[in-house]
C-alpha atoms as a PDB file:
ATOM      1  CA  MET A   1      81.591 172.925 -66.801  1.00  0.00           C
ATOM      2  CA  ILE A   2      81.899 175.147 -64.384  1.00  0.00           C
ATOM      3  CA  THR A   3      79.100 174.789 -62.428  1.00  0.00           C
ATOM      4  CA  ALA A   4      79.091 171.147 -62.038  1.00  0.00           C
ATOM      5  CA  ASP A   5      82.705 171.594 -60.652  1.00  0.00           C
ATOM      6  CA  ILE A   6      81.465 174.249 -58.310  1.00  0.00           C
ATOM      7  CA  ASN A   7      78.604 172.031 -56.916  1.00  0.00           C
ATOM      8  CA  ARG A   8      80.785 168.794 -56.779  1.00  0.00           C
ATOM      9  CA  ALA A   9      83.092 170.650 -54.787  1.00  0.00           C
ATOM     10  CA  GLN A  10      80.765 172.250 -52.413  1.00  0.00           C
ATOM     11  CA  LEU A  11      79.593 168.360 -51.817  1.00  0.00           C
ATOM     12  CA  VAL A  12      83.064 167.537 -50.956  1.00  0.00           C
ATOM     13  CA  LEU A  13      83.427 170.184 -48.526  1.00  0.00           C
ATOM     14  CA  LEU A  14      79.948 169.391 -47.004  1.00  0.00           C
ATOM     15  CA  ALA A  15      80.933 165.910 -46.439  1.00  0.00           C
ATOM     16  CA  GLN A  16      84.497 166.200 -45.097  1.00  0.00           C
ATOM     17  CA  CYS A  17      82.589 169.073 -42.743  1.00  0.00           C
ATOM     18  CA  LEU A  18      80.199 166.447 -41.570  1.00  0.00           C
ATOM     19  CA  LEU A  19      83.050 163.574 -41.361  1.00  0.00           C
ATOM     20  CA  PHE A  20      84.825 166.488 -39.141  1.00  0.00           C
ATOM     21  CA  GLY A  21      82.240 166.991 -37.049  1.00  0.00           C
ATOM     22  CA  VAL A  22      81.848 163.404 -36.232  1.00  0.00           C
ATOM     23  CA  GLY A  23      85.375 162.761 -35.434  1.00  0.00           C
ATOM     24  CA  ALA A  24      85.005 165.697 -32.931  1.00  0.00           C
ATOM     25  CA  GLY A  25      82.055 164.069 -31.056  1.00  0.00           C
ATOM     26  CA  LEU A  26      84.133 160.640 -30.905  1.00  0.00           C
ATOM     27  CA  VAL A  27      87.079 162.165 -29.487  1.00  0.00           C
ATOM     28  CA  TYR A  28      84.741 164.276 -26.975  1.00  0.00           C
ATOM     29  CA  ASP A  29      83.159 160.869 -26.269  1.00  0.00           C
ATOM     30  CA  VAL A  30      86.476 159.333 -25.504  1.00  0.00           C
ATOM     31  CA  PHE A  31      87.738 162.275 -23.371  1.00  0.00           C
ATOM     32  CA  ARG A  32      84.707 162.165 -21.588  1.00  0.00           C
ATOM     33  CA  ALA A  33      85.120 158.399 -20.721  1.00  0.00           C
ATOM     34  CA  LEU A  34      88.441 159.123 -19.455  1.00  0.00           C
ATOM     35  CA  ARG A  35      87.098 162.129 -17.218  1.00  0.00           C
ATOM     36  CA  ARG A  36      84.653 159.695 -15.831  1.00  0.00           C
ATOM     37  CA  GLY A  37      87.595 157.366 -14.944  1.00  0.00           C
ATOM     38  CA  GLY A  38      89.401 159.226 -12.946  1.00  0.00           C
ATOM     39  CA  ALA A  39      91.661 161.397 -14.829  1.00  0.00           C
ATOM     40  CA  GLY A  40      91.334 165.059 -13.899  1.00  0.00           C
ATOM     41  CA  GLU A  41      88.588 167.211 -15.678  1.00  0.00           C
ATOM     42  CA  GLY A  42      90.805 170.442 -16.465  1.00  0.00           C
ATOM     43  CA  VAL A  43      93.104 168.414 -18.139  1.00  0.00           C
ATOM     44  CA  CYS A  44      90.597 166.394 -20.492  1.00  0.00           C
ATOM     45  CA  ASP A  45      88.772 169.129 -21.082  1.00  0.00           C
ATOM     46  CA  ALA A  46      92.315 171.455 -22.079  1.00  0.00           C
ATOM     47  CA  LEU A  47      93.619 168.156 -23.981  1.00  0.00           C
ATOM     48  CA  PHE A  48      90.227 168.108 -26.017  1.00  0.00           C
ATOM     49  CA  CYS A  49      90.583 172.038 -26.796  1.00  0.00           C
ATOM     50  CA  ALA A  50      94.041 171.248 -27.741  1.00  0.00           C
ATOM     51  CA  VAL A  51      93.133 168.517 -29.857  1.00  0.00           C
ATOM     52  CA  THR A  52      90.001 169.986 -31.547  1.00  0.00           C
ATOM     53  CA  LEU A  53      91.478 173.561 -32.549  1.00  0.00           C
ATOM     54  CA  ALA A  54      94.460 171.810 -34.092  1.00  0.00           C
ATOM     55  CA  ALA A  55      92.201 169.632 -35.965  1.00  0.00           C
ATOM     56  CA  ALA A  56      90.171 172.777 -36.818  1.00  0.00           C
ATOM     57  CA  PHE A  57      93.270 174.958 -37.909  1.00  0.00           C
ATOM     58  CA  ARG A  58      94.697 172.135 -40.035  1.00  0.00           C
ATOM     59  CA  PHE A  59      91.135 171.784 -42.008  1.00  0.00           C
ATOM     60  CA  GLY A  60      91.035 175.234 -42.447  1.00  0.00           C
ATOM     61  CA  LEU A  61      94.521 175.344 -44.046  1.00  0.00           C
ATOM     62  CA  VAL A  62      93.689 172.323 -46.155  1.00  0.00           C
ATOM     63  CA  SER A  63      90.290 173.609 -47.429  1.00  0.00           C
ATOM     64  CA  ALA A  64      91.822 177.115 -48.085  1.00  0.00           C
ATOM     65  CA  ALA A  65      94.723 175.454 -49.717  1.00  0.00           C
ATOM     66  CA  ALA A  66      92.252 173.404 -52.166  1.00  0.00           C
ATOM     67  CA  SER A  67      90.298 176.697 -52.695  1.00  0.00           C
ATOM     68  CA  VAL A  68      93.162 178.585 -54.060  1.00  0.00           C
ATOM     69  CA  THR A  69      94.345 175.452 -56.167  1.00  0.00           C
ATOM     70  CA  ALA A  70      90.982 175.302 -57.816  1.00  0.00           C
ATOM     71  CA  GLN A  71      91.009 178.872 -58.444  1.00  0.00           C
ATOM     72  CA  ASN A  72      94.262 179.053 -60.088  1.00  0.00           C
ATOM     73  CA  SER A  73      93.343 175.966 -62.489  1.00  0.00           C
END
């Protein structure tokens, strides 16, 4: 059934988005601890932004590739 496959794909994407958010929160907590430990605020903030941006970009590419693959099947 096409509807069941679409609903399953949506639930998988929802779970992936939630896990991505949890992961980003954990990375933020690590950089916050480093910032309080004496590392430069600007450096930690820039590093957090770079890591999160790279992860979001990769997540978007993987999701888009999966979407295109699913449509071609």
